[in-house]
């Protein structure tokens, strides 16, 4: 009796059952380069590397527990493929992006909740004042900022009056990136990650402290609210 030829991997049905991921998600991840392309044995038959099961579980964990985008997950998977311990990289992403924000809404709901029109949302994004992490999706921080800007616009300000925040923000981040490059240029991966995490926390403290203190001292020196001066 002839021996059966071993199959070169898992069929889609098997991969779905083993990983718990739906077919549409698996195909999307393949298209995005997060999963290797299957081996096709005929136009309608393809087999996936069994390691895709573990890979799909890792992707789900990075999404559900850490709230990472597919773009960031792709970078972590690339490090994993190089044999690096990805734990420090995952921890760095947690430090940079914070805890998972459970509240994420689309554009229509964002406009309803903030009072901003779709046209104003587009203008704010163009001005660099509204910066959602995921295209077409807005989290809790986006909602808070959108509502605050809507109130400011309702008080008579224009979007152009606020663009200095975006301009100065870009300058500050550029300086911070240059400082990070200066300090981590020759460090091995693990030390680079640890120092970057510390610098992220230091930067957050410095940004808030310096700006708030400048404003507080300006108020303290003024003879009254009508006498605040621009230096």
Foldseek 3Di string as FASTA:
>chain_A
DDDDDDDPAAWLVRLCVLQVDDSVVVVVCCVVVLAPDFPDPDPPTTHGHNCVSVSSVVVVCCCPWQVDDVVLSSVLVVCVVVVDDSVLVSVLSCLQVPGHFPDKDFPVVLCVLQVDDPVVVVVCVVLQNQDAPDPRMHGPVSSVSSNVVVVVVVVPDDSVVVSVVRVVVVVLVVVLVVVLCVVCVPPPDNVSSVVSSVSSVVSVVVVVVVVVVVVVVQCVPAPDPVGRDDD
